[in-house]
Amino acid sequence: MGEYWESLSGFKKVKLIATIILSIFVITFAIVNWKEIEVEFIFFRLKMYVTLLIIICLSLGYMISSLFEYKYYNQKQKEVLALQAQIAQLKIKYPEIEGDLDLEKEN
């Protein structure tokens, strides 16, 4: 274990320590909230553990936000493709300014 610790950079050591501390907090949280409650849905009732309910809610929230992010990404990707097509048309129409429109040379 000592060799492994010495091989880590400063950032990786901090990351490892933070991961261990966060894992301890998560396990403690799960143990403290391991109580069964009754959840009322519209048409039925269900008994489940508070920790499980929190994990389900977090997972659903993550999935919903991922869907919105995916939609936003697709919209931006279409805009990028349209702008690239416009640049290509301008390069054909005005070959003398091709160097001014070449964005890859600037980066």
Foldseek 3Di string as FASTA:
>chain_A
DVVVCVVDDPVVNVVVVVVVVVVVVLVVVCVVQQDWDWDDDPPDIDIDTPNVVVVVVVVVVVVVVVVVVVVVVVVVVVVVVVVVVVLVVCCVVCVVCNVVSPPVVVD
